[in-house]
Amino acid sequence: MPTLDDGRNAINQGNFQQARLIYEAILQENPRSEDAWLGLADVLTDTEDKRICYENVLKINKQNRTAREGLRSLEPQADPLREAFQIQTPPPRTEDVYAEDEEEPTLISEHAMEMDSADTGETPTFILVAVGLALSVVVMALGGGLVFYILTSLTGG
C-alpha cells in the first residue's frame, strides 16, 4: 500500500496525477487520515473538490489549522460587480458546522454526483453579459468621441 511519503515524493517530482492516485488509495483504506485529505487537497484543481477535502479534515479534527486556512483561502473575495448590482453572496460557513458527531468524511465522487449548479450562488450569466455589453457601448462611445475630437483638432475643423 502506498504511503503519505510516496504522495509527497510524487508532488516533489511534479507528478500530481500520481500523487492524487496515491492519496485516494490511502483514503480508500483509511478515510479518516487527515494528512491524506490535506495531501489530496494540495493536488486537486477544482475548488469544490478542495473544499470537500478541507471539510473532511475538519470532520475528523475540527481544530486543524491547515484545513481552516485552506477553506478560508477558498472563500470568494469581494467582487465589485456583485456589489454594484447588490447581489448577495452566501454567508461564510460557521465553525459550528463541523460538529464532532458528524458522519464519516465525504468522498469527492459522491459529492460530484449530488452537486447542483443552481445552488452555487454564482452571478447569473445574463447579468455578466449585460454588464459586458453596456461597458462595451460606453467604451466605444468614449473612444469614438475622443478620436473625433483629435481628428477635428488636427485638421483645424
N, C-alpha and C. Protein backbone atom coordinates (compact mmCIF):
# COMPACT_ATOMS: atom_id res chain seq x y z
N MET A 1 0.85 -1.18 0.00
CA MET A 1 0.00 0.00 0.00
C MET A 1 0.89 1.25 0.00
N PRO A 2 0.52 2.26 -0.79
CA PRO A 2 1.32 3.49 -0.82
C PRO A 2 1.25 4.23 0.52
N THR A 3 2.25 5.07 0.74
CA THR A 3 2.31 5.83 1.99
C THR A 3 2.19 7.33 1.71
N LEU A 4 2.03 8.09 2.78
CA LEU A 4 1.98 9.55 2.65
C LEU A 4 3.28 10.08 2.05
N ASP A 5 4.40 9.46 2.43
CA ASP A 5 5.69 9.87 1.87
C ASP A 5 5.74 9.66 0.36
N ASP A 6 5.12 8.58 -0.11
CA ASP A 6 5.05 8.34 -1.56
C ASP A 6 4.30 9.48 -2.25
N GLY A 7 3.22 9.92 -1.63
CA GLY A 7 2.44 11.04 -2.19
C GLY A 7 3.25 12.33 -2.21
N ARG A 8 3.95 12.60 -1.12
CA ARG A 8 4.78 13.81 -1.07
C ARG A 8 5.90 13.76 -2.10
N ASN A 9 6.50 12.58 -2.25
CA ASN A 9 7.56 12.43 -3.25
C ASN A 9 7.03 12.66 -4.66
N ALA A 10 5.83 12.17 -4.95
CA ALA A 10 5.23 12.38 -6.26
C ALA A 10 5.00 13.87 -6.50
N ILE A 11 4.54 14.58 -5.47
CA ILE A 11 4.33 16.03 -5.60
C ILE A 11 5.67 16.72 -5.87
N ASN A 12 6.69 16.36 -5.11
CA ASN A 12 8.01 16.97 -5.29
C ASN A 12 8.57 16.73 -6.68
N GLN A 13 8.20 15.61 -7.30
CA GLN A 13 8.65 15.31 -8.65
C GLN A 13 7.74 15.94 -9.70
N GLY A 14 6.69 16.62 -9.25
CA GLY A 14 5.77 17.27 -10.18
C GLY A 14 4.74 16.34 -10.77
N ASN A 15 4.61 15.13 -10.26
CA ASN A 15 3.66 14.17 -10.78
C ASN A 15 2.38 14.22 -9.92
N PHE A 16 1.54 15.20 -10.20
CA PHE A 16 0.35 15.43 -9.38
C PHE A 16 -0.71 14.34 -9.59
N GLN A 17 -0.80 13.80 -10.78
CA GLN A 17 -1.76 12.74 -11.04
C GLN A 17 -1.42 11.49 -10.21
N GLN A 18 -0.14 11.15 -10.17
CA GLN A 18 0.28 10.00 -9.37
C GLN A 18 0.03 10.28 -7.89
N ALA A 19 0.32 11.50 -7.45
CA ALA A 19 0.08 11.86 -6.05
C ALA A 19 -1.40 11.73 -5.72
N ARG A 20 -2.25 12.18 -6.63
CA ARG A 20 -3.69 12.08 -6.40
C ARG A 20 -4.10 10.61 -6.24
N LEU A 21 -3.60 9.76 -7.13
CA LEU A 21 -3.93 8.34 -7.04
C LEU A 21 -3.44 7.73 -5.72
N ILE A 22 -2.26 8.14 -5.28
CA ILE A 22 -1.71 7.63 -4.03
C ILE A 22 -2.59 8.05 -2.85
N TYR A 23 -2.94 9.35 -2.79
CA TYR A 23 -3.77 9.82 -1.68
C TYR A 23 -5.15 9.18 -1.70
N GLU A 24 -5.71 8.99 -2.89
CA GLU A 24 -7.02 8.34 -2.98
C GLU A 24 -6.94 6.89 -2.51
N ALA A 25 -5.85 6.19 -2.83
CA ALA A 25 -5.67 4.81 -2.38
C ALA A 25 -5.56 4.76 -0.85
N ILE A 26 -4.82 5.72 -0.28
CA ILE A 26 -4.70 5.77 1.18
C ILE A 26 -6.07 6.01 1.81
N LEU A 27 -6.85 6.90 1.21
CA LEU A 27 -8.16 7.22 1.77
C LEU A 27 -9.15 6.07 1.61
N GLN A 28 -8.96 5.23 0.61
CA GLN A 28 -9.81 4.05 0.49
C GLN A 28 -9.60 3.12 1.68
N GLU A 29 -8.35 3.03 2.12
CA GLU A 29 -8.02 2.17 3.27
C GLU A 29 -8.32 2.86 4.59
N ASN A 30 -8.09 4.17 4.65
CA ASN A 30 -8.27 4.90 5.90
C ASN A 30 -8.92 6.26 5.61
N PRO A 31 -10.26 6.32 5.53
CA PRO A 31 -10.92 7.58 5.19
C PRO A 31 -10.80 8.67 6.26
N ARG A 32 -10.21 8.35 7.41
CA ARG A 32 -10.05 9.34 8.48
C ARG A 32 -8.62 9.86 8.58
N SER A 33 -7.85 9.74 7.52
CA SER A 33 -6.47 10.22 7.51
C SER A 33 -6.44 11.71 7.15
N GLU A 34 -6.19 12.54 8.15
CA GLU A 34 -6.14 13.98 7.93
C GLU A 34 -5.07 14.34 6.90
N ASP A 35 -3.89 13.73 7.05
CA ASP A 35 -2.78 14.06 6.16
C ASP A 35 -3.08 13.67 4.71
N ALA A 36 -3.78 12.57 4.51
CA ALA A 36 -4.12 12.17 3.14
C ALA A 36 -5.13 13.14 2.54
N TRP A 37 -6.11 13.59 3.33
CA TRP A 37 -7.08 14.57 2.82
C TRP A 37 -6.37 15.88 2.48
N LEU A 38 -5.44 16.31 3.33
CA LEU A 38 -4.72 17.55 3.06
C LEU A 38 -3.82 17.41 1.83
N GLY A 39 -3.19 16.25 1.69
CA GLY A 39 -2.36 16.00 0.51
C GLY A 39 -3.20 15.99 -0.75
N LEU A 40 -4.37 15.38 -0.68
CA LEU A 40 -5.26 15.35 -1.84
C LEU A 40 -5.71 16.76 -2.20
N ALA A 41 -6.01 17.58 -1.20
CA ALA A 41 -6.41 18.97 -1.47
C ALA A 41 -5.29 19.72 -2.18
N ASP A 42 -4.04 19.40 -1.86
CA ASP A 42 -2.91 20.07 -2.49
C ASP A 42 -2.81 19.79 -3.98
N VAL A 43 -3.22 18.60 -4.41
CA VAL A 43 -3.04 18.23 -5.81
C VAL A 43 -4.29 18.43 -6.66
N LEU A 44 -5.42 18.71 -6.04
CA LEU A 44 -6.65 18.92 -6.80
C LEU A 44 -6.69 20.34 -7.35
N THR A 45 -7.38 20.51 -8.47
CA THR A 45 -7.50 21.84 -9.07
C THR A 45 -8.90 22.41 -8.91
N ASP A 46 -9.90 21.59 -8.75
CA ASP A 46 -11.28 22.05 -8.63
C ASP A 46 -11.54 22.59 -7.22
N THR A 47 -12.06 23.79 -7.14
CA THR A 47 -12.29 24.45 -5.85
C THR A 47 -13.24 23.65 -4.97
N GLU A 48 -14.32 23.13 -5.53
CA GLU A 48 -15.28 22.38 -4.73
C GLU A 48 -14.68 21.09 -4.20
N ASP A 49 -13.84 20.43 -4.99
CA ASP A 49 -13.18 19.22 -4.52
C ASP A 49 -12.22 19.54 -3.38
N LYS A 50 -11.51 20.66 -3.50
CA LYS A 50 -10.61 21.08 -2.43
C LYS A 50 -11.42 21.36 -1.16
N ARG A 51 -12.56 22.04 -1.33
CA ARG A 51 -13.42 22.36 -0.19
C ARG A 51 -13.85 21.08 0.53
N ILE A 52 -14.21 20.07 -0.23
CA ILE A 52 -14.64 18.81 0.37
C ILE A 52 -13.50 18.21 1.19
N CYS A 53 -12.29 18.24 0.65
CA CYS A 53 -11.14 17.70 1.37
C CYS A 53 -10.95 18.42 2.70
N TYR A 54 -10.96 19.75 2.67
CA TYR A 54 -10.76 20.52 3.90
C TYR A 54 -11.90 20.29 4.89
N GLU A 55 -13.13 20.20 4.39
CA GLU A 55 -14.26 19.94 5.28
C GLU A 55 -14.14 18.55 5.91
N ASN A 56 -13.65 17.58 5.14
CA ASN A 56 -13.46 16.24 5.70
C ASN A 56 -12.42 16.24 6.81
N VAL A 57 -11.36 17.01 6.63
CA VAL A 57 -10.35 17.12 7.69
C VAL A 57 -10.99 17.69 8.94
N LEU A 58 -11.83 18.71 8.76
CA LEU A 58 -12.47 19.32 9.93
C LEU A 58 -13.52 18.42 10.56
N LYS A 59 -14.08 17.49 9.81
CA LYS A 59 -14.98 16.49 10.41
C LYS A 59 -14.18 15.55 11.32
N ILE A 60 -12.95 15.29 10.92
CA ILE A 60 -12.08 14.41 11.70
C ILE A 60 -11.49 15.16 12.89
N ASN A 61 -11.02 16.38 12.64
CA ASN A 61 -10.37 17.19 13.67
C ASN A 61 -10.76 18.65 13.44
N LYS A 62 -11.74 19.12 14.20
CA LYS A 62 -12.23 20.48 13.96
C LYS A 62 -11.22 21.56 14.35
N GLN A 63 -10.10 21.18 14.95
CA GLN A 63 -9.07 22.14 15.33
C GLN A 63 -7.93 22.25 14.30
N ASN A 64 -8.03 21.53 13.20
CA ASN A 64 -6.92 21.51 12.23
C ASN A 64 -6.77 22.88 11.57
N ARG A 65 -5.67 23.54 11.87
CA ARG A 65 -5.41 24.89 11.38
C ARG A 65 -5.22 24.92 9.86
N THR A 66 -4.52 23.93 9.32
CA THR A 66 -4.26 23.91 7.88
C THR A 66 -5.56 23.83 7.09
N ALA A 67 -6.49 23.01 7.55
CA ALA A 67 -7.78 22.88 6.86
C ALA A 67 -8.57 24.18 6.96
N ARG A 68 -8.54 24.81 8.13
CA ARG A 68 -9.26 26.08 8.28
C ARG A 68 -8.69 27.15 7.35
N GLU A 69 -7.38 27.23 7.27
CA GLU A 69 -6.74 28.20 6.38
C GLU A 69 -7.04 27.88 4.92
N GLY A 70 -7.06 26.59 4.60
CA GLY A 70 -7.39 26.18 3.24
C GLY A 70 -8.81 26.58 2.86
N LEU A 71 -9.75 26.38 3.77
CA LEU A 71 -11.13 26.79 3.49
C LEU A 71 -11.23 28.30 3.36
N ARG A 72 -10.53 29.01 4.23
CA ARG A 72 -10.55 30.47 4.17
C ARG A 72 -10.01 30.97 2.84
N SER A 73 -8.99 30.30 2.33
CA SER A 73 -8.42 30.72 1.04
C SER A 73 -9.38 30.47 -0.12
N LEU A 74 -10.33 29.57 0.07
CA LEU A 74 -11.30 29.28 -0.99
C LEU A 74 -12.51 30.20 -0.96
N GLU A 75 -12.66 30.98 0.11
CA GLU A 75 -13.79 31.89 0.22
C GLU A 75 -13.69 32.95 -0.87
N PRO A 76 -14.81 33.30 -1.47
CA PRO A 76 -14.76 34.32 -2.53
C PRO A 76 -14.33 35.66 -1.95
N GLN A 77 -13.54 36.36 -2.72
CA GLN A 77 -13.10 37.70 -2.32
C GLN A 77 -14.20 38.69 -2.71
N ALA A 78 -14.11 39.91 -2.21
CA ALA A 78 -15.09 40.93 -2.54
C ALA A 78 -15.12 41.14 -4.05
N ASP A 79 -16.30 41.11 -4.61
CA ASP A 79 -16.48 41.22 -6.05
C ASP A 79 -17.19 42.54 -6.35
N PRO A 80 -16.51 43.51 -6.98
CA PRO A 80 -17.13 44.80 -7.23
C PRO A 80 -18.38 44.69 -8.11
N LEU A 81 -18.42 43.73 -9.00
CA LEU A 81 -19.60 43.56 -9.85
C LEU A 81 -20.80 43.14 -9.01
N ARG A 82 -20.59 42.22 -8.07
CA ARG A 82 -21.68 41.81 -7.18
C ARG A 82 -22.16 43.00 -6.34
N GLU A 83 -21.22 43.78 -5.86
CA GLU A 83 -21.58 44.94 -5.04
C GLU A 83 -22.35 45.97 -5.87
N ALA A 84 -21.93 46.20 -7.11
CA ALA A 84 -22.59 47.19 -7.96
C ALA A 84 -24.05 46.81 -8.23
N PHE A 85 -24.31 45.53 -8.38
CA PHE A 85 -25.68 45.07 -8.65
C PHE A 85 -26.37 44.58 -7.39
N GLN A 86 -25.73 44.77 -6.26
CA GLN A 86 -26.28 44.39 -4.95
C GLN A 86 -26.71 42.93 -4.93
N ILE A 87 -25.85 42.07 -5.48
CA ILE A 87 -26.10 40.63 -5.47
C ILE A 87 -25.53 40.07 -4.19
N GLN A 88 -26.33 39.35 -3.46
CA GLN A 88 -25.92 38.80 -2.18
C GLN A 88 -25.00 37.61 -2.38
N THR A 89 -23.90 37.58 -1.62
CA THR A 89 -23.04 36.40 -1.63
C THR A 89 -23.46 35.53 -0.45
N PRO A 90 -23.34 34.22 -0.58
CA PRO A 90 -23.71 33.37 0.54
C PRO A 90 -22.81 33.65 1.73
N PRO A 91 -23.36 33.60 2.94
CA PRO A 91 -22.54 33.88 4.11
C PRO A 91 -21.48 32.81 4.28
N PRO A 92 -20.32 33.18 4.87
CA PRO A 92 -19.28 32.19 5.09
C PRO A 92 -19.76 31.12 6.06
N ARG A 93 -19.21 29.93 5.92
CA ARG A 93 -19.61 28.82 6.78
C ARG A 93 -19.12 29.08 8.19
N THR A 94 -19.93 28.75 9.14
CA THR A 94 -19.55 28.96 10.53
C THR A 94 -18.85 27.73 11.08
N GLU A 95 -18.15 27.93 12.17
CA GLU A 95 -17.37 26.84 12.74
C GLU A 95 -18.24 25.76 13.35
N ASP A 96 -19.48 26.10 13.74
CA ASP A 96 -20.32 25.09 14.37
C ASP A 96 -20.81 24.04 13.38
N VAL A 97 -20.53 24.23 12.09
CA VAL A 97 -20.90 23.23 11.08
C VAL A 97 -20.12 21.95 11.31
N TYR A 98 -18.94 22.04 11.86
CA TYR A 98 -18.06 20.89 11.99
C TYR A 98 -18.20 20.29 13.39
N ALA A 99 -19.37 19.80 13.70
CA ALA A 99 -19.62 19.19 15.00
C ALA A 99 -18.94 17.82 15.05
N GLU A 100 -18.64 17.38 16.26
CA GLU A 100 -17.94 16.11 16.41
C GLU A 100 -18.79 14.91 16.03
N ASP A 101 -20.11 15.04 16.11
CA ASP A 101 -20.96 13.89 15.84
C ASP A 101 -21.33 13.75 14.36
N GLU A 102 -20.60 14.42 13.49
CA GLU A 102 -20.90 14.33 12.06
C GLU A 102 -20.50 12.98 11.51
N GLU A 103 -21.05 12.68 10.35
CA GLU A 103 -20.79 11.41 9.68
C GLU A 103 -19.35 11.33 9.20
N GLU A 104 -19.05 10.19 8.60
CA GLU A 104 -17.71 9.96 8.05
C GLU A 104 -17.41 10.97 6.95
N PRO A 105 -16.14 11.18 6.62
CA PRO A 105 -15.78 12.10 5.53
C PRO A 105 -16.46 11.70 4.23
N THR A 106 -16.79 12.71 3.44
CA THR A 106 -17.46 12.51 2.17
C THR A 106 -16.44 12.29 1.08
N LEU A 107 -16.65 11.27 0.26
CA LEU A 107 -15.77 11.07 -0.87
C LEU A 107 -16.12 12.06 -1.96
N ILE A 108 -15.16 12.52 -2.69
CA ILE A 108 -15.37 13.55 -3.70
C ILE A 108 -16.33 13.08 -4.78
N SER A 109 -16.21 11.85 -5.21
CA SER A 109 -17.08 11.36 -6.27
C SER A 109 -18.55 11.36 -5.83
N GLU A 110 -18.83 11.12 -4.55
CA GLU A 110 -20.20 11.17 -4.06
C GLU A 110 -20.73 12.59 -4.14
N HIS A 111 -19.90 13.55 -3.77
CA HIS A 111 -20.32 14.94 -3.79
C HIS A 111 -20.57 15.41 -5.22
N ALA A 112 -19.72 15.01 -6.14
CA ALA A 112 -19.86 15.46 -7.53
C ALA A 112 -21.20 15.05 -8.10
N MET A 113 -21.71 13.88 -7.72
CA MET A 113 -23.00 13.44 -8.23
C MET A 113 -24.15 14.24 -7.62
N GLU A 114 -23.95 14.75 -6.39
CA GLU A 114 -25.01 15.47 -5.70
C GLU A 114 -25.04 16.96 -6.04
N MET A 115 -23.94 17.48 -6.61
CA MET A 115 -23.86 18.92 -6.85
C MET A 115 -24.91 19.39 -7.82
N ASP A 116 -25.48 20.55 -7.52
CA ASP A 116 -26.45 21.17 -8.40
C ASP A 116 -25.97 22.58 -8.67
N SER A 117 -25.74 22.91 -9.92
CA SER A 117 -25.15 24.21 -10.25
C SER A 117 -26.06 25.37 -9.87
N ALA A 118 -27.35 25.12 -9.69
CA ALA A 118 -28.26 26.20 -9.32
C ALA A 118 -28.01 26.67 -7.89
N ASP A 119 -27.40 25.85 -7.05
CA ASP A 119 -27.20 26.20 -5.65
C ASP A 119 -25.83 26.79 -5.38
N THR A 120 -25.08 27.14 -6.40
CA THR A 120 -23.71 27.60 -6.19
C THR A 120 -23.63 29.06 -5.76
N GLY A 121 -24.69 29.84 -5.93
CA GLY A 121 -24.66 31.24 -5.54
C GLY A 121 -23.85 32.10 -6.48
N GLU A 122 -23.59 31.64 -7.68
CA GLU A 122 -22.80 32.40 -8.63
C GLU A 122 -23.66 33.44 -9.33
N THR A 123 -23.02 34.51 -9.81
CA THR A 123 -23.71 35.56 -10.54
C THR A 123 -24.30 34.97 -11.82
N PRO A 124 -25.59 35.22 -12.08
CA PRO A 124 -26.18 34.69 -13.30
C PRO A 124 -25.45 35.22 -14.54
N THR A 125 -25.29 34.37 -15.52
CA THR A 125 -24.53 34.70 -16.72
C THR A 125 -25.14 35.87 -17.47
N PHE A 126 -26.46 35.95 -17.54
CA PHE A 126 -27.07 37.02 -18.32
C PHE A 126 -26.74 38.39 -17.73
N ILE A 127 -26.55 38.48 -16.43
CA ILE A 127 -26.18 39.77 -15.82
C ILE A 127 -24.76 40.14 -16.25
N LEU A 128 -23.87 39.15 -16.24
CA LEU A 128 -22.50 39.42 -16.65
C LEU A 128 -22.43 39.83 -18.11
N VAL A 129 -23.23 39.19 -18.97
CA VAL A 129 -23.25 39.54 -20.39
C VAL A 129 -23.80 40.95 -20.57
N ALA A 130 -24.88 41.28 -19.86
CA ALA A 130 -25.48 42.61 -19.98
C ALA A 130 -24.50 43.70 -19.55
N VAL A 131 -23.80 43.46 -18.45
CA VAL A 131 -22.83 44.44 -17.97
C VAL A 131 -21.69 44.58 -18.98
N GLY A 132 -21.23 43.46 -19.53
CA GLY A 132 -20.17 43.50 -20.53
C GLY A 132 -20.58 44.28 -21.76
N LEU A 133 -21.80 44.07 -22.23
CA LEU A 133 -22.28 44.80 -23.40
C LEU A 133 -22.40 46.29 -23.10
N ALA A 134 -22.93 46.63 -21.92
CA ALA A 134 -23.08 48.03 -21.56
C ALA A 134 -21.71 48.72 -21.49
N LEU A 135 -20.75 48.05 -20.90
CA LEU A 135 -19.41 48.63 -20.81
C LEU A 135 -18.79 48.78 -22.21
N SER A 136 -19.05 47.83 -23.09
CA SER A 136 -18.53 47.92 -24.46
C SER A 136 -19.08 49.14 -25.17
N VAL A 137 -20.38 49.39 -25.02
CA VAL A 137 -21.01 50.54 -25.67
C VAL A 137 -20.40 51.83 -25.14
N VAL A 138 -20.24 51.92 -23.82
CA VAL A 138 -19.68 53.13 -23.22
C VAL A 138 -18.26 53.36 -23.69
N VAL A 139 -17.45 52.32 -23.69
CA VAL A 139 -16.06 52.46 -24.12
C VAL A 139 -15.98 52.86 -25.59
N MET A 140 -16.80 52.24 -26.41
CA MET A 140 -16.80 52.59 -27.84
C MET A 140 -17.24 54.04 -28.05
N ALA A 141 -18.26 54.48 -27.32
CA ALA A 141 -18.74 55.85 -27.47
C ALA A 141 -17.66 56.85 -27.04
N LEU A 142 -17.04 56.58 -25.91
CA LEU A 142 -15.99 57.48 -25.43
C LEU A 142 -14.80 57.47 -26.39
N GLY A 143 -14.42 56.28 -26.82
CA GLY A 143 -13.29 56.17 -27.74
C GLY A 143 -13.58 56.87 -29.06
N GLY A 144 -14.78 56.67 -29.59
CA GLY A 144 -15.15 57.32 -30.85
C GLY A 144 -15.18 58.82 -30.72
N GLY A 145 -15.70 59.32 -29.62
CA GLY A 145 -15.73 60.76 -29.38
C GLY A 145 -14.34 61.34 -29.27
N LEU A 146 -13.47 60.61 -28.59
CA LEU A 146 -12.10 61.07 -28.43
C LEU A 146 -11.38 61.10 -29.78
N VAL A 147 -11.56 60.10 -30.59
CA VAL A 147 -10.94 60.06 -31.92
C VAL A 147 -11.47 61.21 -32.77
N PHE A 148 -12.79 61.45 -32.73
CA PHE A 148 -13.38 62.54 -33.50
C PHE A 148 -12.80 63.87 -33.06
N TYR A 149 -12.67 64.08 -31.77
CA TYR A 149 -12.12 65.33 -31.23
C TYR A 149 -10.67 65.53 -31.70
N ILE A 150 -9.88 64.49 -31.62
CA ILE A 150 -8.47 64.58 -32.04
C ILE A 150 -8.36 64.88 -33.51
N LEU A 151 -9.14 64.19 -34.33
CA LEU A 151 -9.09 64.40 -35.79
C LEU A 151 -9.54 65.81 -36.17
N THR A 152 -10.59 66.28 -35.54
CA THR A 152 -11.07 67.63 -35.87
C THR A 152 -10.09 68.69 -35.39
N SER A 153 -9.41 68.43 -34.26
CA SER A 153 -8.42 69.38 -33.75
C SER A 153 -7.21 69.43 -34.68
N LEU A 154 -6.81 68.30 -35.19
CA LEU A 154 -5.63 68.24 -36.04
C LEU A 154 -5.89 68.87 -37.43
N THR A 155 -7.11 68.71 -37.90
CA THR A 155 -7.42 69.23 -39.23
C THR A 155 -7.88 70.67 -39.20
N GLY A 156 -7.98 71.21 -37.99
CA GLY A 156 -8.35 72.62 -37.85
C GLY A 156 -9.84 72.86 -38.01
N GLY A 157 -10.65 71.82 -37.84
CA GLY A 157 -12.08 71.95 -38.08
C GLY A 157 -12.84 72.22 -36.90
